[in-house]
C-alpha atoms as a PDB file:
ATOM      1  CA  UNK A   1     294.227  64.377  19.890  1.00  0.00           C
ATOM      2  CA  UNK A   2     297.041  62.058  18.901  1.00  0.00           C
ATOM      3  CA  UNK A   3     296.719  60.018  15.697  1.00  0.00           C
ATOM      4  CA  UNK A   4     296.640  56.828  17.825  1.00  0.00           C
ATOM      5  CA  UNK A   5     293.706  58.071  19.945  1.00  0.00           C
ATOM      6  CA  UNK A   6     291.907  59.226  16.800  1.00  0.00           C
ATOM      7  CA  UNK A   7     292.443  55.776  15.245  1.00  0.00           C
ATOM      8  CA  UNK A   8     290.997  54.124  18.347  1.00  0.00           C
ATOM      9  CA  UNK A   9     287.924  56.347  18.012  1.00  0.00           C
ATOM     10  CA  UNK A  10     287.683  55.571  14.271  1.00  0.00           C
ATOM     11  CA  UNK A  11     287.734  51.843  15.054  1.00  0.00           C
ATOM     12  CA  UNK A  12     285.041  52.336  17.697  1.00  0.00           C
ATOM     13  CA  UNK A  13     282.798  53.963  15.061  1.00  0.00           C
ATOM     14  CA  UNK A  14     283.211  50.898  12.832  1.00  0.00           C
ATOM     15  CA  UNK A  15     282.687  48.177  15.437  1.00  0.00           C
ATOM     16  CA  UNK A  16     281.159  49.771  18.534  1.00  0.00           C
ATOM     17  CA  UNK A  17     284.354  49.052  20.461  1.00  0.00           C
ATOM     18  CA  UNK A  18     288.109  49.203  20.065  1.00  0.00           C
ATOM     19  CA  UNK A  19     290.528  46.296  19.938  1.00  0.00           C
ATOM     20  CA  UNK A  20     293.671  45.617  17.944  1.00  0.00           C
ATOM     21  CA  UNK A  21     291.791  42.711  16.341  1.00  0.00           C
ATOM     22  CA  UNK A  22     288.999  45.017  15.145  1.00  0.00           C
ATOM     23  CA  UNK A  23     291.567  47.502  13.833  1.00  0.00           C
ATOM     24  CA  UNK A  24     293.405  44.811  11.841  1.00  0.00           C
ATOM     25  CA  UNK A  25     290.155  43.255  10.613  1.00  0.00           C
ATOM     26  CA  UNK A  26     288.959  46.646   9.389  1.00  0.00           C
ATOM     27  CA  UNK A  27     292.265  47.407   7.700  1.00  0.00           C
ATOM     28  CA  UNK A  28     292.234  44.114   5.804  1.00  0.00           C
ATOM     29  CA  UNK A  29     288.545  43.849   4.944  1.00  0.00           C
ATOM     30  CA  UNK A  30     287.129  47.385   4.625  1.00  0.00           C
ATOM     31  CA  UNK A  31     288.543  49.556   1.854  1.00  0.00           C
ATOM     32  CA  UNK A  32     286.915  52.723   3.230  1.00  0.00           C
ATOM     33  CA  UNK A  33     288.306  52.124   6.733  1.00  0.00           C
ATOM     34  CA  UNK A  34     291.748  51.321   5.288  1.00  0.00           C
ATOM     35  CA  UNK A  35     291.929  54.921   3.997  1.00  0.00           C
ATOM     36  CA  UNK A  36     291.345  56.268   7.506  1.00  0.00           C
ATOM     37  CA  UNK A  37     293.966  53.916   8.981  1.00  0.00           C
ATOM     38  CA  UNK A  38     296.643  54.880   6.449  1.00  0.00           C
ATOM     39  CA  UNK A  39     295.850  58.586   6.956  1.00  0.00           C
ATOM     40  CA  UNK A  40     296.350  58.197  10.717  1.00  0.00           C
ATOM     41  CA  UNK A  41     299.567  56.223  10.178  1.00  0.00           C
ATOM     42  CA  UNK A  42     300.972  58.973   7.951  1.00  0.00           C
ATOM     43  CA  UNK A  43     300.000  61.634  10.482  1.00  0.00           C
ATOM     44  CA  UNK A  44     301.546  59.662  13.342  1.00  0.00           C
ATOM     45  CA  UNK A  45     304.827  59.090  11.529  1.00  0.00           C
ATOM     46  CA  UNK A  46     304.977  62.734  10.384  1.00  0.00           C
ATOM     47  CA  UNK A  47     304.440  63.935  13.965  1.00  0.00           C
ATOM     48  CA  UNK A  48     307.107  61.555  15.290  1.00  0.00           C
ATOM     49  CA  UNK A  49     310.710  62.319  15.937  1.00  0.00           C
ATOM     50  CA  UNK A  50     313.910  60.616  14.998  1.00  0.00           C
ATOM     51  CA  UNK A  51     314.416  57.743  12.625  1.00  0.00           C
ATOM     52  CA  UNK A  52     310.722  56.821  12.344  1.00  0.00           C
ATOM     53  CA  UNK A  53     310.167  59.885  10.141  1.00  0.00           C
ATOM     54  CA  UNK A  54     312.252  58.373   7.350  1.00  0.00           C
ATOM     55  CA  UNK A  55     309.456  55.811   6.824  1.00  0.00           C
ATOM     56  CA  UNK A  56     306.950  58.546   5.916  1.00  0.00           C
ATOM     57  CA  UNK A  57     307.370  58.075   2.135  1.00  0.00           C
ATOM     58  CA  UNK A  58     306.444  54.399   2.533  1.00  0.00           C
ATOM     59  CA  UNK A  59     303.305  55.260   4.523  1.00  0.00           C
ATOM     60  CA  UNK A  60     302.372  57.987   2.036  1.00  0.00           C
ATOM     61  CA  UNK A  61     302.636  55.428  -0.763  1.00  0.00           C
ATOM     62  CA  UNK A  62     300.440  53.032   1.237  1.00  0.00           C
ATOM     63  CA  UNK A  63     297.877  55.812   1.733  1.00  0.00           C
ATOM     64  CA  UNK A  64     297.925  56.637  -1.971  1.00  0.00           C
ATOM     65  CA  UNK A  65     297.290  52.982  -2.795  1.00  0.00           C
ATOM     66  CA  UNK A  66     294.448  52.810  -0.225  1.00  0.00           C
ATOM     67  CA  UNK A  67     292.710  55.931  -1.555  1.00  0.00           C
ATOM     68  CA  UNK A  68     293.146  54.791  -5.153  1.00  0.00           C
ATOM     69  CA  UNK A  69     291.652  51.357  -4.448  1.00  0.00           C
ATOM     70  CA  UNK A  70     288.744  52.957  -2.597  1.00  0.00           C
ATOM     71  CA  UNK A  71     288.174  55.533  -5.403  1.00  0.00           C
ATOM     72  CA  UNK A  72     288.611  58.470  -3.023  1.00  0.00           C
ATOM     73  CA  UNK A  73     290.581  61.684  -3.004  1.00  0.00           C
ATOM     74  CA  UNK A  74     291.445  62.049   0.674  1.00  0.00           C
ATOM     75  CA  UNK A  75     294.829  63.686   1.466  1.00  0.00           C
ATOM     76  CA  UNK A  76     296.732  62.277   4.428  1.00  0.00           C
ATOM     77  CA  UNK A  77     297.214  65.779   5.871  1.00  0.00           C
ATOM     78  CA  UNK A  78     293.471  66.353   6.272  1.00  0.00           C
ATOM     79  CA  UNK A  79     292.591  67.709   9.724  1.00  0.00           C
ATOM     80  CA  UNK A  80     290.049  65.091  10.825  1.00  0.00           C
ATOM     81  CA  UNK A  81     288.896  64.485  14.384  1.00  0.00           C
ATOM     82  CA  UNK A  82     288.482  61.060  15.938  1.00  0.00           C
ATOM     83  CA  UNK A  83     285.567  58.811  15.148  1.00  0.00           C
ATOM     84  CA  UNK A  84     285.544  59.458  11.400  1.00  0.00           C
ATOM     85  CA  UNK A  85     283.212  57.097   9.509  1.00  0.00           C
ATOM     86  CA  UNK A  86     283.355  56.847   5.720  1.00  0.00           C
ATOM     87  CA  UNK A  87     280.271  54.994   4.529  1.00  0.00           C
ATOM     88  CA  UNK A  88     280.689  53.388   1.091  1.00  0.00           C
ATOM     89  CA  UNK A  89     283.207  56.099   0.183  1.00  0.00           C
ATOM     90  CA  UNK A  90     283.242  55.787  -3.617  1.00  0.00           C
ATOM     91  CA  UNK A  91     283.833  59.174  -5.221  1.00  0.00           C
ATOM     92  CA  UNK A  92     284.585  60.981  -1.953  1.00  0.00           C
ATOM     93  CA  UNK A  93     286.636  64.157  -2.534  1.00  0.00           C
ATOM     94  CA  UNK A  94     288.113  66.029   0.423  1.00  0.00           C
ATOM     95  CA  UNK A  95     290.290  69.109   0.021  1.00  0.00           C
ATOM     96  CA  UNK A  96     293.339  69.122   2.280  1.00  0.00           C
ATOM     97  CA  UNK A  97     292.267  72.478   3.772  1.00  0.00           C
ATOM     98  CA  UNK A  98     288.927  71.146   5.041  1.00  0.00           C
ATOM     99  CA  UNK A  99     288.550  70.521   8.795  1.00  0.00           C
ATOM    100  CA  UNK A 100     286.455  67.636  10.060  1.00  0.00           C
ATOM    101  CA  UNK A 101     285.297  67.328  13.681  1.00  0.00           C
ATOM    102  CA  UNK A 102     284.776  64.280  15.902  1.00  0.00           C
ATOM    103  CA  UNK A 103     282.237  61.524  15.152  1.00  0.00           C
ATOM    104  CA  UNK A 104     281.541  62.785  11.627  1.00  0.00           C
ATOM    105  CA  UNK A 105     279.949  60.516   8.995  1.00  0.00           C
ATOM    106  CA  UNK A 106     280.622  61.038   5.276  1.00  0.00           C
ATOM    107  CA  UNK A 107     278.817  59.056   2.572  1.00  0.00           C
ATOM    108  CA  UNK A 108     279.896  58.284  -0.988  1.00  0.00           C
ATOM    109  CA  UNK A 109     280.266  61.118  -3.461  1.00  0.00           C
ATOM    110  CA  UNK A 110     280.667  63.821  -0.796  1.00  0.00           C
ATOM    111  CA  UNK A 111     282.813  66.788  -1.779  1.00  0.00           C
ATOM    112  CA  UNK A 112     284.398  69.119   0.778  1.00  0.00           C
ATOM    113  CA  UNK A 113     286.006  71.646  -1.518  1.00  0.00           C
ATOM    114  CA  UNK A 114     287.902  74.872  -1.772  1.00  0.00           C
ATOM    115  CA  UNK A 115     286.199  77.998  -3.015  1.00  0.00           C
ATOM    116  CA  UNK A 116     287.962  81.092  -4.316  1.00  0.00           C
ATOM    117  CA  UNK A 117     286.289  84.477  -4.487  1.00  0.00           C
ATOM    118  CA  UNK A 118     287.596  87.785  -5.712  1.00  0.00           C
ATOM    119  CA  UNK A 119     286.925  90.505  -3.125  1.00  0.00           C
ATOM    120  CA  UNK A 120     285.888  94.032  -4.097  1.00  0.00           C
ATOM    121  CA  UNK A 121     289.488  95.190  -3.685  1.00  0.00           C
ATOM    122  CA  UNK A 122     290.625  92.514  -6.173  1.00  0.00           C
ATOM    123  CA  UNK A 123     292.187  90.256  -3.552  1.00  0.00           C
ATOM    124  CA  UNK A 124     291.627  86.511  -3.883  1.00  0.00           C
ATOM    125  CA  UNK A 125     289.876  85.008  -0.845  1.00  0.00           C
ATOM    126  CA  UNK A 126     290.153  81.243  -0.411  1.00  0.00           C
ATOM    127  CA  UNK A 127     287.957  79.250   1.958  1.00  0.00           C
ATOM    128  CA  UNK A 128     287.606  75.646   3.051  1.00  0.00           C
ATOM    129  CA  UNK A 129     284.685  73.930   4.819  1.00  0.00           C
ATOM    130  CA  UNK A 130     284.639  73.191   8.541  1.00  0.00           C
ATOM    131  CA  UNK A 131     282.458  70.345   9.781  1.00  0.00           C
ATOM    132  CA  UNK A 132     281.879  70.494  13.522  1.00  0.00           C
ATOM    133  CA  UNK A 133     281.372  67.403  15.704  1.00  0.00           C
ATOM    134  CA  UNK A 134     278.642  64.837  14.984  1.00  0.00           C
ATOM    135  CA  UNK A 135     277.844  66.076  11.470  1.00  0.00           C
ATOM    136  CA  UNK A 136     276.249  63.588   9.060  1.00  0.00           C
ATOM    137  CA  UNK A 137     276.733  64.254   5.321  1.00  0.00           C
ATOM    138  CA  UNK A 138     274.610  62.248   2.873  1.00  0.00           C
ATOM    139  CA  UNK A 139     275.507  60.870  -0.549  1.00  0.00           C
ATOM    140  CA  UNK A 140     276.718  63.287  -3.228  1.00  0.00           C
ATOM    141  CA  UNK A 141     276.439  66.378  -1.033  1.00  0.00           C
ATOM    142  CA  UNK A 142     278.752  69.231  -2.002  1.00  0.00           C
ATOM    143  CA  UNK A 143     280.068  71.679   0.591  1.00  0.00           C
ATOM    144  CA  UNK A 144     282.402  74.374  -0.716  1.00  0.00           C
ATOM    145  CA  UNK A 145     284.116  77.451   0.607  1.00  0.00           C
ATOM    146  CA  UNK A 146     284.800  78.857   4.034  1.00  0.00           C
ATOM    147  CA  UNK A 147     281.546  77.616   5.530  1.00  0.00           C
ATOM    148  CA  UNK A 148     280.899  76.025   8.902  1.00  0.00           C
ATOM    149  CA  UNK A 149     278.466  73.155   9.282  1.00  0.00           C
ATOM    150  CA  UNK A 150     277.229  73.351  12.867  1.00  0.00           C
ATOM    151  CA  UNK A 151     277.463  70.550  15.375  1.00  0.00           C
ATOM    152  CA  UNK A 152     274.980  67.696  14.999  1.00  0.00           C
ATOM    153  CA  UNK A 153     273.652  68.843  11.638  1.00  0.00           C
ATOM    154  CA  UNK A 154     272.495  66.467   8.931  1.00  0.00           C
ATOM    155  CA  UNK A 155     273.160  67.299   5.292  1.00  0.00           C
ATOM    156  CA  UNK A 156     270.816  65.521   2.881  1.00  0.00           C
ATOM    157  CA  UNK A 157     271.985  63.688  -0.190  1.00  0.00           C
ATOM    158  CA  UNK A 158     272.681  65.935  -3.170  1.00  0.00           C
ATOM    159  CA  UNK A 159     272.657  69.169  -1.144  1.00  0.00           C
ATOM    160  CA  UNK A 160     274.845  72.001  -2.438  1.00  0.00           C
ATOM    161  CA  UNK A 161     276.063  74.208   0.409  1.00  0.00           C
ATOM    162  CA  UNK A 162     277.882  77.529   0.140  1.00  0.00           C
ATOM    163  CA  UNK A 163     276.657  79.198   3.377  1.00  0.00           C
ATOM    164  CA  UNK A 164     277.079  78.471   7.088  1.00  0.00           C
ATOM    165  CA  UNK A 165     274.630  76.019   8.637  1.00  0.00           C
ATOM    166  CA  UNK A 166     273.622  76.466  12.296  1.00  0.00           C
ATOM    167  CA  UNK A 167     274.003  73.568  14.758  1.00  0.00           C
ATOM    168  CA  UNK A 168     271.420  70.764  14.801  1.00  0.00           C
ATOM    169  CA  UNK A 169     269.905  71.597  11.411  1.00  0.00           C
ATOM    170  CA  UNK A 170     268.637  69.340   8.652  1.00  0.00           C
ATOM    171  CA  UNK A 171     269.607  70.664   5.228  1.00  0.00           C
ATOM    172  CA  UNK A 172     268.438  69.571   1.781  1.00  0.00           C
ATOM    173  CA  UNK A 173     268.347  70.754  -1.797  1.00  0.00           C
ATOM    174  CA  UNK A 174     270.270  72.619  -4.435  1.00  0.00           C
ATOM    175  CA  UNK A 175     270.621  75.385  -3.435  1.00  0.00           C
ATOM    176  CA  UNK A 176     270.629  74.132   0.136  1.00  0.00           C
ATOM    177  CA  UNK A 177     267.866  75.140   2.512  1.00  0.00           C
ATOM    178  CA  UNK A 178     267.330  74.364   6.176  1.00  0.00           C
ATOM    179  CA  UNK A 179     264.261  72.130   6.367  1.00  0.00           C
ATOM    180  CA  UNK A 180     264.323  71.460  10.107  1.00  0.00           C
ATOM    181  CA  UNK A 181     265.929  72.875  13.258  1.00  0.00           C
ATOM    182  CA  UNK A 182     266.832  71.215  16.559  1.00  0.00           C
ATOM    183  CA  UNK A 183     267.407  67.784  15.013  1.00  0.00           C
ATOM    184  CA  UNK A 184     268.976  64.897  16.863  1.00  0.00           C
ATOM    185  CA  UNK A 185     272.488  64.041  15.608  1.00  0.00           C
ATOM    186  CA  UNK A 186     272.772  60.786  13.649  1.00  0.00           C
ATOM    187  CA  UNK A 187     275.932  59.149  14.996  1.00  0.00           C
ATOM    188  CA  UNK A 188     276.033  55.358  14.965  1.00  0.00           C
ATOM    189  CA  UNK A 189     278.552  53.894  17.452  1.00  0.00           C
ATOM    190  CA  UNK A 190     279.618  57.328  18.704  1.00  0.00           C
ATOM    191  CA  UNK A 191     283.198  57.177  19.938  1.00  0.00           C
ATOM    192  CA  UNK A 192     283.544  58.402  23.520  1.00  0.00           C
ATOM    193  CA  UNK A 193     285.685  61.519  23.077  1.00  0.00           C
END
């Protein structure tokens, strides 16, 4: 998916439709959406060819300002699918190695972090979380390591996850436990992808 198509989907998640007016309104008035817009701009410029690439430092600076003003740690190189919704956003921490699917919702205080383990042979093993499509992650949830959160799952606020979660599960607690299977995904204004 191109950064432009992803940005259209992100705007759809915010407003239930896409228009340039909605995109500009969101950029100006919503600090959490501004972070997504600047991330997509950086990715688009970095993927471009020719003279446009020389503007990347300016867009990276804009993204740094946007994340700082929104109190988030969200690298512009994050692999995030279209339809990303950051709700409230304060204290959000995303590791650059994390992968985020389409129509994912992340609340304030969420951490998607790296986890290092030392294998039996002494080798360091590093892992990053993967969130499949339509995942909903509640406030202050922590997901670390090379785990996969299955499609349509809902992660309750304050959950601490270090193991894979099957699709369509509801997860809560520290340590995390599956409290329900076959749940319905919670995706407000799902972008048509």
